[in-house]
Structures are given as structure tokens and as C-alpha cells.
Amino acid sequence: MKEKIEVKESESMIVDKFKLGSTQVEIYNDAYKNKTKEDIEKILKRIAYIVQNETNIYQ
């Protein structure tokens, strides 16, 4: 079963925006606010995991 990804409203700024295939990705600065370096590494690893698993479906 696929994991549901929650999209939240944000009042912060978009710091990066790009497409991966037909998927629009937006990175907001609140993803990093008040986070430790370890927290940020976990966030980036989770993003990489999600992207790898979603893009492998179409190959």
C-alpha cells in the first residue's frame, strides 16, 4: 500500500521549485527552521527515499 503524503498550507517562502517527471516539487524554508543538522539529514533522506520509490514505478 502506498504511503499517503500530506500537503500542508505554509506561510513560509519557497526556496526551491522543480519538476521530477510529472511531479512538481516545492521546498519551503520552514522545512529547515529550528531543525538540527541531524533533523535536516533525516528530512533529506526521506525525500530521497520517496523520490526513488515513486520514480522507479514508471521505469
PDB file of N, CA and C in Angstrom:
ATOM      1  N   MET A   1       0.839  -1.179   0.000  1.00  0.00           N
ATOM      2  CA  MET A   1       0.000   0.000   0.000  1.00  0.00           C
ATOM      3  C   MET A   1       0.885   1.244   0.000  1.00  0.00           C
ATOM      4  N   LYS A   2       0.561   2.193  -0.826  1.00  0.00           N
ATOM      5  CA  LYS A   2       1.322   3.432  -0.898  1.00  0.00           C
ATOM      6  C   LYS A   2       1.074   4.293   0.323  1.00  0.00           C
ATOM      7  N   GLU A   3       2.122   4.967   0.747  1.00  0.00           N
ATOM      8  CA  GLU A   3       2.013   5.872   1.886  1.00  0.00           C
ATOM      9  C   GLU A   3       1.410   7.184   1.411  1.00  0.00           C
ATOM     10  N   LYS A   4       0.441   7.674   2.148  1.00  0.00           N
ATOM     11  CA  LYS A   4      -0.185   8.952   1.809  1.00  0.00           C
ATOM     12  C   LYS A   4       0.739  10.084   2.250  1.00  0.00           C
ATOM     13  N   ILE A   5       0.970  11.035   1.371  1.00  0.00           N
ATOM     14  CA  ILE A   5       1.801  12.187   1.680  1.00  0.00           C
ATOM     15  C   ILE A   5       0.885  13.370   1.918  1.00  0.00           C
ATOM     16  N   GLU A   6       1.013  13.946   3.111  1.00  0.00           N
ATOM     17  CA  GLU A   6       0.168  15.067   3.495  1.00  0.00           C
ATOM     18  C   GLU A   6       0.745  16.373   2.961  1.00  0.00           C
ATOM     19  N   VAL A   7      -0.092  17.186   2.351  1.00  0.00           N
ATOM     20  CA  VAL A   7       0.313  18.505   1.870  1.00  0.00           C
ATOM     21  C   VAL A   7      -0.255  19.532   2.830  1.00  0.00           C
ATOM     22  N   LYS A   8       0.613  20.357   3.403  1.00  0.00           N
ATOM     23  CA  LYS A   8       0.186  21.342   4.392  1.00  0.00           C
ATOM     24  C   LYS A   8       0.281  22.739   3.806  1.00  0.00           C
ATOM     25  N   GLU A   9      -0.621  23.587   4.258  1.00  0.00           N
ATOM     26  CA  GLU A   9      -0.535  25.001   3.901  1.00  0.00           C
ATOM     27  C   GLU A   9       0.666  25.596   4.619  1.00  0.00           C
ATOM     28  N   SER A  10       1.354  26.508   3.968  1.00  0.00           N
ATOM     29  CA  SER A  10       2.541  27.096   4.572  1.00  0.00           C
ATOM     30  C   SER A  10       2.563  28.590   4.329  1.00  0.00           C
ATOM     31  N   GLU A  11       3.010  29.326   5.336  1.00  0.00           N
ATOM     32  CA  GLU A  11       3.144  30.773   5.201  1.00  0.00           C
ATOM     33  C   GLU A  11       4.596  31.160   4.953  1.00  0.00           C
ATOM     34  N   SER A  12       5.459  30.183   4.774  1.00  0.00           N
ATOM     35  CA  SER A  12       6.869  30.467   4.574  1.00  0.00           C
ATOM     36  C   SER A  12       7.172  30.660   3.085  1.00  0.00           C
ATOM     37  N   MET A  13       8.430  30.891   2.799  1.00  0.00           N
ATOM     38  CA  MET A  13       8.851  31.147   1.421  1.00  0.00           C
ATOM     39  C   MET A  13       9.287  29.863   0.726  1.00  0.00           C
ATOM     40  N   ILE A  14       9.019  29.788  -0.568  1.00  0.00           N
ATOM     41  CA  ILE A  14       9.533  28.687  -1.380  1.00  0.00           C
ATOM     42  C   ILE A  14      10.993  28.998  -1.680  1.00  0.00           C
ATOM     43  N   VAL A  15      11.880  28.050  -1.352  1.00  0.00           N
ATOM     44  CA  VAL A  15      13.300  28.260  -1.631  1.00  0.00           C
ATOM     45  C   VAL A  15      13.769  27.478  -2.845  1.00  0.00           C
ATOM     46  N   ASP A  16      12.978  26.508  -3.273  1.00  0.00           N
ATOM     47  CA  ASP A  16      13.305  25.779  -4.494  1.00  0.00           C
ATOM     48  C   ASP A  16      12.023  25.160  -5.040  1.00  0.00           C
ATOM     49  N   LYS A  17      11.961  25.081  -6.349  1.00  0.00           N
ATOM     50  CA  LYS A  17      10.779  24.543  -7.022  1.00  0.00           C
ATOM     51  C   LYS A  17      11.267  23.879  -8.303  1.00  0.00           C
ATOM     52  N   PHE A  18      10.894  22.605  -8.496  1.00  0.00           N
ATOM     53  CA  PHE A  18      11.348  21.901  -9.686  1.00  0.00           C
ATOM     54  C   PHE A  18      10.406  20.743  -9.991  1.00  0.00           C
ATOM     55  N   LYS A  19      10.596  20.144 -11.154  1.00  0.00           N
ATOM     56  CA  LYS A  19       9.776  19.003 -11.556  1.00  0.00           C
ATOM     57  C   LYS A  19      10.645  17.755 -11.620  1.00  0.00           C
ATOM     58  N   LEU A  20      10.073  16.654 -11.171  1.00  0.00           N
ATOM     59  CA  LEU A  20      10.662  15.332 -11.337  1.00  0.00           C
ATOM     60  C   LEU A  20       9.657  14.538 -12.152  1.00  0.00           C
ATOM     61  N   GLY A  21       9.933  14.389 -13.423  1.00  0.00           N
ATOM     62  CA  GLY A  21       8.950  13.772 -14.302  1.00  0.00           C
ATOM     63  C   GLY A  21       7.727  14.664 -14.344  1.00  0.00           C
ATOM     64  N   SER A  22       6.584  14.128 -13.986  1.00  0.00           N
ATOM     65  CA  SER A  22       5.360  14.925 -13.980  1.00  0.00           C
ATOM     66  C   SER A  22       5.013  15.443 -12.579  1.00  0.00           C
ATOM     67  N   THR A  23       5.936  15.263 -11.627  1.00  0.00           N
ATOM     68  CA  THR A  23       5.691  15.679 -10.248  1.00  0.00           C
ATOM     69  C   THR A  23       6.315  17.045  -9.973  1.00  0.00           C
ATOM     70  N   GLN A  24       5.521  17.974  -9.467  1.00  0.00           N
ATOM     71  CA  GLN A  24       6.013  19.299  -9.071  1.00  0.00           C
ATOM     72  C   GLN A  24       6.479  19.216  -7.623  1.00  0.00           C
ATOM     73  N   VAL A  25       7.724  19.612  -7.364  1.00  0.00           N
ATOM     74  CA  VAL A  25       8.295  19.582  -6.017  1.00  0.00           C
ATOM     75  C   VAL A  25       8.550  21.017  -5.575  1.00  0.00           C
ATOM     76  N   GLU A  26       8.111  21.354  -4.367  1.00  0.00           N
ATOM     77  CA  GLU A  26       8.351  22.680  -3.795  1.00  0.00           C
ATOM     78  C   GLU A  26       9.001  22.483  -2.432  1.00  0.00           C
ATOM     79  N   ILE A  27      10.104  23.200  -2.199  1.00  0.00           N
ATOM     80  CA  ILE A  27      10.800  23.152  -0.923  1.00  0.00           C
ATOM     81  C   ILE A  27      10.606  24.504  -0.244  1.00  0.00           C
ATOM     82  N   TYR A  28      10.056  24.473   0.947  1.00  0.00           N
ATOM     83  CA  TYR A  28       9.806  25.699   1.713  1.00  0.00           C
ATOM     84  C   TYR A  28      10.859  25.845   2.798  1.00  0.00           C
ATOM     85  N   ASN A  29      11.181  27.079   3.168  1.00  0.00           N
ATOM     86  CA  ASN A  29      12.211  27.290   4.176  1.00  0.00           C
ATOM     87  C   ASN A  29      11.799  26.820   5.566  1.00  0.00           C
ATOM     88  N   ASP A  30      10.526  26.654   5.838  1.00  0.00           N
ATOM     89  CA  ASP A  30      10.137  26.159   7.164  1.00  0.00           C
ATOM     90  C   ASP A  30      10.465  24.680   7.354  1.00  0.00           C
ATOM     91  N   ALA A  31      10.841  23.997   6.279  1.00  0.00           N
ATOM     92  CA  ALA A  31      11.274  22.611   6.406  1.00  0.00           C
ATOM     93  C   ALA A  31      12.575  22.530   7.200  1.00  0.00           C
ATOM     94  N   TYR A  32      13.304  23.637   7.281  1.00  0.00           N
ATOM     95  CA  TYR A  32      14.603  23.655   7.949  1.00  0.00           C
ATOM     96  C   TYR A  32      14.645  24.548   9.185  1.00  0.00           C
ATOM     97  N   LYS A  33      13.651  25.376   9.393  1.00  0.00           N
ATOM     98  CA  LYS A  33      13.649  26.284  10.545  1.00  0.00           C
ATOM     99  C   LYS A  33      13.659  25.497  11.849  1.00  0.00           C
ATOM    100  N   ASN A  34      14.485  25.948  12.772  1.00  0.00           N
ATOM    101  CA  ASN A  34      14.572  25.361  14.112  1.00  0.00           C
ATOM    102  C   ASN A  34      14.870  23.863  14.096  1.00  0.00           C
ATOM    103  N   LYS A  35      15.591  23.404  13.084  1.00  0.00           N
ATOM    104  CA  LYS A  35      15.950  21.990  12.976  1.00  0.00           C
ATOM    105  C   LYS A  35      17.449  21.831  13.180  1.00  0.00           C
ATOM    106  N   THR A  36      17.836  20.711  13.769  1.00  0.00           N
ATOM    107  CA  THR A  36      19.255  20.400  13.916  1.00  0.00           C
ATOM    108  C   THR A  36      19.779  19.845  12.591  1.00  0.00           C
ATOM    109  N   LYS A  37      21.094  19.767  12.505  1.00  0.00           N
ATOM    110  CA  LYS A  37      21.706  19.189  11.306  1.00  0.00           C
ATOM    111  C   LYS A  37      21.216  17.747  11.106  1.00  0.00           C
ATOM    112  N   GLU A  38      21.068  17.012  12.203  1.00  0.00           N
ATOM    113  CA  GLU A  38      20.585  15.628  12.129  1.00  0.00           C
ATOM    114  C   GLU A  38      19.138  15.577  11.630  1.00  0.00           C
ATOM    115  N   ASP A  39      18.300  16.500  12.096  1.00  0.00           N
ATOM    116  CA  ASP A  39      16.913  16.570  11.624  1.00  0.00           C
ATOM    117  C   ASP A  39      16.865  16.817  10.122  1.00  0.00           C
ATOM    118  N   ILE A  40      17.707  17.732   9.657  1.00  0.00           N
ATOM    119  CA  ILE A  40      17.736  18.072   8.231  1.00  0.00           C
ATOM    120  C   ILE A  40      18.194  16.867   7.408  1.00  0.00           C
ATOM    121  N   GLU A  41      19.190  16.142   7.897  1.00  0.00           N
ATOM    122  CA  GLU A  41      19.645  14.934   7.196  1.00  0.00           C
ATOM    123  C   GLU A  41      18.518  13.911   7.086  1.00  0.00           C
ATOM    124  N   LYS A  42      17.744  13.732   8.153  1.00  0.00           N
ATOM    125  CA  LYS A  42      16.607  12.804   8.125  1.00  0.00           C
ATOM    126  C   LYS A  42      15.571  13.249   7.102  1.00  0.00           C
ATOM    127  N   ILE A  43      15.296  14.548   7.057  1.00  0.00           N
ATOM    128  CA  ILE A  43      14.336  15.092   6.094  1.00  0.00           C
ATOM    129  C   ILE A  43      14.800  14.804   4.676  1.00  0.00           C
ATOM    130  N   LEU A  44      16.074  15.091   4.386  1.00  0.00           N
ATOM    131  CA  LEU A  44      16.608  14.883   3.035  1.00  0.00           C
ATOM    132  C   LEU A  44      16.620  13.406   2.649  1.00  0.00           C
ATOM    133  N   LYS A  45      16.936  12.525   3.596  1.00  0.00           N
ATOM    134  CA  LYS A  45      16.911  11.087   3.314  1.00  0.00           C
ATOM    135  C   LYS A  45      15.492  10.622   3.011  1.00  0.00           C
ATOM    136  N   ARG A  46      14.523  11.145   3.750  1.00  0.00           N
ATOM    137  CA  ARG A  46      13.119  10.776   3.499  1.00  0.00           C
ATOM    138  C   ARG A  46      12.668  11.251   2.119  1.00  0.00           C
ATOM    139  N   ILE A  47      13.046  12.466   1.749  1.00  0.00           N
ATOM    140  CA  ILE A  47      12.704  12.986   0.420  1.00  0.00           C
ATOM    141  C   ILE A  47      13.325  12.095  -0.652  1.00  0.00           C
ATOM    142  N   ALA A  48      14.609  11.743  -0.482  1.00  0.00           N
ATOM    143  CA  ALA A  48      15.289  10.889  -1.459  1.00  0.00           C
ATOM    144  C   ALA A  48      14.595   9.534  -1.573  1.00  0.00           C
ATOM    145  N   TYR A  49      14.190   8.971  -0.444  1.00  0.00           N
ATOM    146  CA  TYR A  49      13.502   7.682  -0.443  1.00  0.00           C
ATOM    147  C   TYR A  49      12.189   7.776  -1.224  1.00  0.00           C
ATOM    148  N   ILE A  50      11.419   8.813  -0.939  1.00  0.00           N
ATOM    149  CA  ILE A  50      10.127   8.987  -1.615  1.00  0.00           C
ATOM    150  C   ILE A  50      10.332   9.155  -3.114  1.00  0.00           C
ATOM    151  N   VAL A  51      11.286   9.996  -3.497  1.00  0.00           N
ATOM    152  CA  VAL A  51      11.542  10.245  -4.919  1.00  0.00           C
ATOM    153  C   VAL A  51      11.988   8.965  -5.622  1.00  0.00           C
ATOM    154  N   GLN A  52      12.901   8.219  -5.021  1.00  0.00           N
ATOM    155  CA  GLN A  52      13.383   6.967  -5.642  1.00  0.00           C
ATOM    156  C   GLN A  52      12.252   5.978  -5.834  1.00  0.00           C
ATOM    157  N   ASN A  53      11.417   5.821  -4.839  1.00  0.00           N
ATOM    158  CA  ASN A  53      10.352   4.834  -4.928  1.00  0.00           C
ATOM    159  C   ASN A  53       9.249   5.250  -5.883  1.00  0.00           C
ATOM    160  N   GLU A  54       8.975   6.523  -5.987  1.00  0.00           N
ATOM    161  CA  GLU A  54       7.955   6.998  -6.918  1.00  0.00           C
ATOM    162  C   GLU A  54       8.452   6.931  -8.353  1.00  0.00           C
ATOM    163  N   THR A  55       9.716   7.300  -8.602  1.00  0.00           N
ATOM    164  CA  THR A  55      10.210   7.314  -9.976  1.00  0.00           C
ATOM    165  C   THR A  55      10.480   5.896 -10.477  1.00  0.00           C
ATOM    166  N   ASN A  56      10.806   4.942  -9.592  1.00  0.00           N
ATOM    167  CA  ASN A  56      11.060   3.571 -10.012  1.00  0.00           C
ATOM    168  C   ASN A  56       9.797   2.879 -10.516  1.00  0.00           C
ATOM    169  N   ILE A  57       8.651   3.353 -10.107  1.00  0.00           N
ATOM    170  CA  ILE A  57       7.380   2.766 -10.543  1.00  0.00           C
ATOM    171  C   ILE A  57       7.219   2.908 -12.056  1.00  0.00           C
ATOM    172  N   TYR A  58       7.718   4.002 -12.631  1.00  0.00           N
ATOM    173  CA  TYR A  58       7.496   4.307 -14.033  1.00  0.00           C
ATOM    174  C   TYR A  58       8.585   3.800 -14.948  1.00  0.00           C
ATOM    175  N   GLN A  59       9.598   3.112 -14.413  1.00  0.00           N
ATOM    176  CA  GLN A  59      10.698   2.615 -15.251  1.00  0.00           C
ATOM    177  C   GLN A  59      10.460   1.193 -15.674  1.00  0.00           C
TER     178      GLN A  59
END
